[in-house]
Amino acid sequence: MVVEAGTLLERDPDTVRGPDIAFYSHARIPESGYATTYWGPPDLAVEIASPGNRAGEMQERAREYLDAGVRLVWVIHPTSRTATTYRAAGEVIHLGADGVLEGGEVLPGFTLPLTAFLSV
């Protein structure tokens, strides 16, 4: 897992995004993994919306991640105490403050109450 690391999503022109949290499975990190700055798109990208971020902007960012090969995107909205999860298969799930984020196929069996993000 990395925090605030740039992720190259597209070339020519280069599109770089910096998810607040990115998870790479061990299988996706090359042997020389820590010697390189680009491992490709993460398996999971987590974006925590700032008060100035518009909903459409965050949806577009999630779409960019998915189009680049990210398998799961969590967008956390602290102000409204909600979250939206986006899966590569096109599934979108909206969660309220009592919701639970699930790792699905990316992190099988992993769950995290949304309150873990909201209580900080």
N, C-alpha and C. Protein backbone atom coordinates (compact mmCIF):
# COMPACT_ATOMS: atom_id res chain seq x y z
N MET A 1 0.85 -1.16 0.00
CA MET A 1 0.00 0.00 0.00
C MET A 1 0.90 1.22 0.00
N VAL A 2 0.52 2.20 -0.80
CA VAL A 2 1.26 3.46 -0.85
C VAL A 2 0.28 4.61 -0.65
N VAL A 3 0.80 5.71 -0.17
CA VAL A 3 -0.02 6.87 0.11
C VAL A 3 0.47 8.04 -0.72
N GLU A 4 -0.46 8.71 -1.40
CA GLU A 4 -0.17 9.91 -2.19
C GLU A 4 0.99 9.74 -3.16
N ALA A 5 0.99 8.62 -3.87
CA ALA A 5 2.01 8.36 -4.88
C ALA A 5 1.41 8.59 -6.26
N GLY A 6 2.15 9.22 -7.13
CA GLY A 6 1.67 9.46 -8.48
C GLY A 6 1.51 8.16 -9.24
N THR A 7 0.42 8.03 -9.96
CA THR A 7 0.14 6.86 -10.77
C THR A 7 -0.07 7.32 -12.21
N LEU A 8 0.76 6.82 -13.09
CA LEU A 8 0.64 7.14 -14.51
C LEU A 8 -0.51 6.33 -15.08
N LEU A 9 -1.56 7.01 -15.53
CA LEU A 9 -2.72 6.32 -16.06
C LEU A 9 -2.71 6.21 -17.57
N GLU A 10 -2.06 7.16 -18.23
CA GLU A 10 -2.12 7.21 -19.68
C GLU A 10 -0.85 7.86 -20.22
N ARG A 11 -0.47 7.48 -21.42
CA ARG A 11 0.68 8.07 -22.10
C ARG A 11 0.22 8.84 -23.32
N ASP A 12 0.95 9.90 -23.62
CA ASP A 12 0.82 10.65 -24.87
C ASP A 12 -0.57 11.21 -25.12
N PRO A 13 -1.04 12.17 -24.39
CA PRO A 13 -0.32 12.88 -23.34
C PRO A 13 -0.38 12.13 -22.02
N ASP A 14 0.63 12.34 -21.21
CA ASP A 14 0.69 11.67 -19.91
C ASP A 14 -0.41 12.19 -18.99
N THR A 15 -1.09 11.25 -18.35
CA THR A 15 -2.08 11.58 -17.34
C THR A 15 -1.63 10.92 -16.05
N VAL A 16 -1.33 11.73 -15.06
CA VAL A 16 -0.88 11.22 -13.76
C VAL A 16 -1.91 11.62 -12.72
N ARG A 17 -2.30 10.67 -11.91
CA ARG A 17 -3.20 10.92 -10.79
C ARG A 17 -2.50 10.46 -9.52
N GLY A 18 -2.85 11.07 -8.43
CA GLY A 18 -2.27 10.71 -7.14
C GLY A 18 -3.35 10.30 -6.17
N PRO A 19 -3.79 9.03 -6.21
CA PRO A 19 -4.83 8.63 -5.25
C PRO A 19 -4.32 8.83 -3.83
N ASP A 20 -5.23 9.12 -2.92
CA ASP A 20 -4.83 9.31 -1.53
C ASP A 20 -4.22 8.03 -0.97
N ILE A 21 -4.76 6.90 -1.38
CA ILE A 21 -4.22 5.58 -0.99
C ILE A 21 -4.28 4.69 -2.22
N ALA A 22 -3.22 3.93 -2.45
CA ALA A 22 -3.21 2.96 -3.56
C ALA A 22 -2.70 1.62 -3.02
N PHE A 23 -3.37 0.55 -3.41
CA PHE A 23 -2.95 -0.79 -3.01
C PHE A 23 -2.52 -1.56 -4.25
N TYR A 24 -1.34 -2.14 -4.16
CA TYR A 24 -0.82 -3.02 -5.21
C TYR A 24 -0.67 -4.41 -4.61
N SER A 25 -1.24 -5.41 -5.26
CA SER A 25 -1.04 -6.78 -4.79
C SER A 25 0.43 -7.15 -5.01
N HIS A 26 0.91 -8.04 -4.18
CA HIS A 26 2.31 -8.47 -4.27
C HIS A 26 2.64 -8.97 -5.67
N ALA A 27 1.69 -9.66 -6.29
CA ALA A 27 1.93 -10.23 -7.62
C ALA A 27 2.15 -9.16 -8.69
N ARG A 28 1.68 -7.96 -8.46
CA ARG A 28 1.79 -6.91 -9.47
C ARG A 28 3.03 -6.05 -9.31
N ILE A 29 3.77 -6.21 -8.22
CA ILE A 29 4.98 -5.42 -8.02
C ILE A 29 6.15 -6.19 -8.62
N PRO A 30 6.87 -5.60 -9.57
CA PRO A 30 8.00 -6.31 -10.18
C PRO A 30 9.10 -6.59 -9.16
N GLU A 31 9.97 -7.57 -9.48
CA GLU A 31 11.05 -7.93 -8.57
C GLU A 31 11.87 -6.71 -8.17
N SER A 32 12.07 -5.81 -9.10
CA SER A 32 12.83 -4.59 -8.79
C SER A 32 11.89 -3.50 -8.29
N GLY A 33 10.73 -3.91 -7.77
CA GLY A 33 9.64 -3.02 -7.41
C GLY A 33 9.99 -1.73 -6.74
N TYR A 34 10.82 -1.77 -5.75
CA TYR A 34 11.08 -0.55 -4.99
C TYR A 34 12.11 0.33 -5.66
N ALA A 35 12.69 -0.13 -6.76
CA ALA A 35 13.67 0.67 -7.48
C ALA A 35 13.01 1.50 -8.58
N THR A 36 11.74 1.28 -8.80
CA THR A 36 11.04 1.98 -9.88
C THR A 36 9.96 2.89 -9.30
N THR A 37 9.59 3.89 -10.04
CA THR A 37 8.55 4.80 -9.57
C THR A 37 7.19 4.49 -10.18
N TYR A 38 7.14 3.59 -11.15
CA TYR A 38 5.87 3.28 -11.81
C TYR A 38 5.65 1.78 -11.87
N TRP A 39 4.60 1.34 -11.24
CA TRP A 39 4.25 -0.07 -11.26
C TRP A 39 3.00 -0.31 -12.08
N GLY A 40 2.49 0.69 -12.73
CA GLY A 40 1.23 0.57 -13.44
C GLY A 40 0.09 0.95 -12.52
N PRO A 41 -1.13 0.79 -12.99
CA PRO A 41 -2.27 1.18 -12.16
C PRO A 41 -2.38 0.26 -10.94
N PRO A 42 -2.79 0.81 -9.79
CA PRO A 42 -2.95 -0.03 -8.61
C PRO A 42 -4.16 -0.94 -8.73
N ASP A 43 -4.24 -1.90 -7.86
CA ASP A 43 -5.42 -2.77 -7.81
C ASP A 43 -6.60 -2.02 -7.19
N LEU A 44 -6.30 -1.19 -6.18
CA LEU A 44 -7.30 -0.40 -5.48
C LEU A 44 -6.81 1.04 -5.39
N ALA A 45 -7.66 1.99 -5.76
CA ALA A 45 -7.36 3.41 -5.58
C ALA A 45 -8.42 3.99 -4.66
N VAL A 46 -7.96 4.73 -3.65
CA VAL A 46 -8.87 5.38 -2.71
C VAL A 46 -8.70 6.88 -2.85
N GLU A 47 -9.80 7.57 -3.11
CA GLU A 47 -9.82 9.03 -3.18
C GLU A 47 -10.69 9.55 -2.05
N ILE A 48 -10.18 10.51 -1.32
CA ILE A 48 -10.95 11.16 -0.27
C ILE A 48 -11.27 12.56 -0.77
N ALA A 49 -12.54 12.80 -1.03
CA ALA A 49 -12.98 14.06 -1.63
C ALA A 49 -12.79 15.22 -0.65
N SER A 50 -12.27 16.31 -1.17
CA SER A 50 -12.17 17.55 -0.42
C SER A 50 -13.49 18.28 -0.53
N PRO A 51 -13.77 19.21 0.39
CA PRO A 51 -15.04 19.94 0.31
C PRO A 51 -15.26 20.63 -1.05
N GLY A 52 -14.20 21.04 -1.72
CA GLY A 52 -14.33 21.72 -3.00
C GLY A 52 -14.50 20.81 -4.20
N ASN A 53 -14.35 19.50 -4.03
CA ASN A 53 -14.51 18.56 -5.13
C ASN A 53 -15.99 18.36 -5.45
N ARG A 54 -16.34 18.48 -6.73
CA ARG A 54 -17.71 18.22 -7.17
C ARG A 54 -17.91 16.73 -7.38
N ALA A 55 -19.15 16.27 -7.22
CA ALA A 55 -19.46 14.84 -7.40
C ALA A 55 -19.09 14.38 -8.79
N GLY A 56 -19.40 15.16 -9.82
CA GLY A 56 -19.08 14.78 -11.19
C GLY A 56 -17.57 14.66 -11.41
N GLU A 57 -16.82 15.51 -10.77
CA GLU A 57 -15.35 15.46 -10.86
C GLU A 57 -14.82 14.16 -10.26
N MET A 58 -15.39 13.75 -9.14
CA MET A 58 -14.93 12.51 -8.49
C MET A 58 -15.36 11.29 -9.30
N GLN A 59 -16.53 11.33 -9.92
CA GLN A 59 -16.97 10.24 -10.79
C GLN A 59 -16.05 10.11 -11.99
N GLU A 60 -15.67 11.24 -12.58
CA GLU A 60 -14.75 11.23 -13.73
C GLU A 60 -13.40 10.67 -13.33
N ARG A 61 -12.92 11.05 -12.16
CA ARG A 61 -11.63 10.53 -11.68
C ARG A 61 -11.71 9.01 -11.50
N ALA A 62 -12.81 8.53 -10.93
CA ALA A 62 -12.98 7.08 -10.76
C ALA A 62 -13.00 6.39 -12.12
N ARG A 63 -13.68 6.98 -13.09
CA ARG A 63 -13.73 6.41 -14.45
C ARG A 63 -12.34 6.35 -15.06
N GLU A 64 -11.53 7.39 -14.87
CA GLU A 64 -10.16 7.39 -15.39
C GLU A 64 -9.35 6.25 -14.79
N TYR A 65 -9.50 6.04 -13.49
CA TYR A 65 -8.79 4.92 -12.85
C TYR A 65 -9.22 3.60 -13.45
N LEU A 66 -10.53 3.39 -13.56
CA LEU A 66 -11.03 2.12 -14.10
C LEU A 66 -10.59 1.91 -15.54
N ASP A 67 -10.65 2.96 -16.35
CA ASP A 67 -10.23 2.86 -17.74
C ASP A 67 -8.75 2.52 -17.86
N ALA A 68 -7.96 2.92 -16.86
CA ALA A 68 -6.52 2.65 -16.88
C ALA A 68 -6.18 1.26 -16.35
N GLY A 69 -7.18 0.53 -15.82
CA GLY A 69 -6.91 -0.82 -15.35
C GLY A 69 -7.02 -1.03 -13.85
N VAL A 70 -7.38 0.01 -13.09
CA VAL A 70 -7.61 -0.16 -11.66
C VAL A 70 -8.86 -1.02 -11.52
N ARG A 71 -8.80 -1.99 -10.62
CA ARG A 71 -9.90 -2.93 -10.49
C ARG A 71 -10.99 -2.49 -9.52
N LEU A 72 -10.62 -1.64 -8.55
CA LEU A 72 -11.57 -1.20 -7.54
C LEU A 72 -11.21 0.22 -7.12
N VAL A 73 -12.23 1.09 -7.05
CA VAL A 73 -12.02 2.47 -6.63
C VAL A 73 -13.00 2.78 -5.50
N TRP A 74 -12.50 3.34 -4.41
CA TRP A 74 -13.35 3.83 -3.34
C TRP A 74 -13.23 5.34 -3.33
N VAL A 75 -14.35 6.03 -3.39
CA VAL A 75 -14.37 7.48 -3.25
C VAL A 75 -15.09 7.79 -1.95
N ILE A 76 -14.38 8.40 -1.03
CA ILE A 76 -14.91 8.72 0.29
C ILE A 76 -15.31 10.19 0.30
N HIS A 77 -16.51 10.48 0.77
CA HIS A 77 -17.02 11.85 0.85
C HIS A 77 -17.23 12.19 2.33
N PRO A 78 -16.19 12.69 3.01
CA PRO A 78 -16.31 12.96 4.45
C PRO A 78 -17.40 13.97 4.80
N THR A 79 -17.59 14.99 3.97
CA THR A 79 -18.57 16.02 4.28
C THR A 79 -19.99 15.45 4.35
N SER A 80 -20.34 14.59 3.40
CA SER A 80 -21.68 13.99 3.40
C SER A 80 -21.72 12.66 4.14
N ARG A 81 -20.57 12.23 4.63
CA ARG A 81 -20.44 10.96 5.37
C ARG A 81 -20.94 9.78 4.53
N THR A 82 -20.52 9.76 3.26
CA THR A 82 -20.90 8.70 2.33
C THR A 82 -19.66 8.23 1.57
N ALA A 83 -19.84 7.17 0.82
CA ALA A 83 -18.77 6.66 -0.06
C ALA A 83 -19.42 6.03 -1.27
N THR A 84 -18.65 5.95 -2.33
CA THR A 84 -19.09 5.26 -3.54
C THR A 84 -17.97 4.32 -3.95
N THR A 85 -18.33 3.09 -4.24
CA THR A 85 -17.34 2.14 -4.73
C THR A 85 -17.62 1.87 -6.21
N TYR A 86 -16.56 1.78 -6.97
CA TYR A 86 -16.64 1.52 -8.40
C TYR A 86 -15.80 0.28 -8.69
N ARG A 87 -16.38 -0.66 -9.41
CA ARG A 87 -15.66 -1.89 -9.78
C ARG A 87 -15.45 -1.91 -11.28
N ALA A 88 -14.40 -2.58 -11.70
CA ALA A 88 -14.05 -2.66 -13.11
C ALA A 88 -15.20 -3.21 -13.96
N ALA A 89 -16.02 -4.06 -13.39
CA ALA A 89 -17.13 -4.66 -14.13
C ALA A 89 -18.29 -3.69 -14.33
N GLY A 90 -18.16 -2.45 -13.83
CA GLY A 90 -19.19 -1.45 -14.02
C GLY A 90 -20.12 -1.28 -12.84
N GLU A 91 -19.95 -2.07 -11.81
CA GLU A 91 -20.81 -1.98 -10.64
C GLU A 91 -20.47 -0.73 -9.83
N VAL A 92 -21.49 0.01 -9.43
CA VAL A 92 -21.34 1.20 -8.60
C VAL A 92 -22.22 1.01 -7.37
N ILE A 93 -21.64 1.19 -6.19
CA ILE A 93 -22.38 1.02 -4.93
C ILE A 93 -22.22 2.29 -4.11
N HIS A 94 -23.35 2.82 -3.63
CA HIS A 94 -23.35 4.00 -2.77
C HIS A 94 -23.55 3.54 -1.33
N LEU A 95 -22.72 4.06 -0.42
CA LEU A 95 -22.79 3.68 0.99
C LEU A 95 -23.08 4.89 1.85
N GLY A 96 -23.90 4.68 2.89
CA GLY A 96 -24.14 5.71 3.89
C GLY A 96 -23.09 5.60 4.99
N ALA A 97 -23.22 6.44 6.00
CA ALA A 97 -22.23 6.50 7.07
C ALA A 97 -22.04 5.17 7.80
N ASP A 98 -23.08 4.34 7.83
CA ASP A 98 -22.97 3.04 8.50
C ASP A 98 -22.54 1.94 7.54
N GLY A 99 -22.14 2.29 6.32
CA GLY A 99 -21.75 1.31 5.31
C GLY A 99 -20.40 0.67 5.59
N VAL A 100 -20.15 -0.39 4.87
CA VAL A 100 -18.89 -1.13 5.00
C VAL A 100 -18.26 -1.26 3.62
N LEU A 101 -17.03 -0.80 3.51
CA LEU A 101 -16.27 -0.95 2.27
C LEU A 101 -15.79 -2.40 2.19
N GLU A 102 -15.89 -2.99 1.01
CA GLU A 102 -15.49 -4.39 0.82
C GLU A 102 -14.42 -4.49 -0.23
N GLY A 103 -13.47 -5.39 0.00
CA GLY A 103 -12.36 -5.57 -0.92
C GLY A 103 -12.68 -6.40 -2.14
N GLY A 104 -13.80 -7.10 -2.12
CA GLY A 104 -14.21 -7.91 -3.27
C GLY A 104 -13.12 -8.84 -3.76
N GLU A 105 -12.97 -8.93 -5.07
CA GLU A 105 -11.96 -9.81 -5.67
C GLU A 105 -10.54 -9.26 -5.50
N VAL A 106 -10.43 -7.96 -5.24
CA VAL A 106 -9.12 -7.34 -5.09
C VAL A 106 -8.49 -7.70 -3.75
N LEU A 107 -9.29 -7.64 -2.69
CA LEU A 107 -8.86 -7.98 -1.34
C LEU A 107 -9.90 -8.91 -0.72
N PRO A 108 -9.92 -10.17 -1.14
CA PRO A 108 -10.96 -11.09 -0.68
C PRO A 108 -11.05 -11.15 0.85
N GLY A 109 -12.27 -10.99 1.34
CA GLY A 109 -12.52 -11.08 2.78
C GLY A 109 -12.24 -9.80 3.55
N PHE A 110 -11.67 -8.79 2.90
CA PHE A 110 -11.35 -7.54 3.59
C PHE A 110 -12.58 -6.65 3.66
N THR A 111 -12.89 -6.16 4.85
CA THR A 111 -13.94 -5.18 5.03
C THR A 111 -13.43 -4.07 5.94
N LEU A 112 -14.00 -2.90 5.76
CA LEU A 112 -13.60 -1.74 6.56
C LEU A 112 -14.83 -0.85 6.73
N PRO A 113 -15.26 -0.65 7.97
CA PRO A 113 -16.40 0.25 8.16
C PRO A 113 -16.04 1.66 7.66
N LEU A 114 -16.98 2.28 6.99
CA LEU A 114 -16.75 3.63 6.47
C LEU A 114 -16.39 4.59 7.61
N THR A 115 -16.87 4.32 8.79
CA THR A 115 -16.57 5.18 9.93
C THR A 115 -15.07 5.27 10.21
N ALA A 116 -14.30 4.30 9.75
CA ALA A 116 -12.84 4.35 9.94
C ALA A 116 -12.25 5.57 9.24
N PHE A 117 -12.85 5.98 8.13
CA PHE A 117 -12.40 7.17 7.42
C PHE A 117 -13.04 8.43 7.98
N LEU A 118 -14.22 8.30 8.52
CA LEU A 118 -14.99 9.47 8.95
C LEU A 118 -14.62 9.96 10.35
N SER A 119 -13.97 9.12 11.12
CA SER A 119 -13.67 9.50 12.50
C SER A 119 -12.36 10.24 12.65
N VAL A 120 -11.62 10.43 11.57
CA VAL A 120 -10.35 11.14 11.67
C VAL A 120 -10.50 12.62 11.39
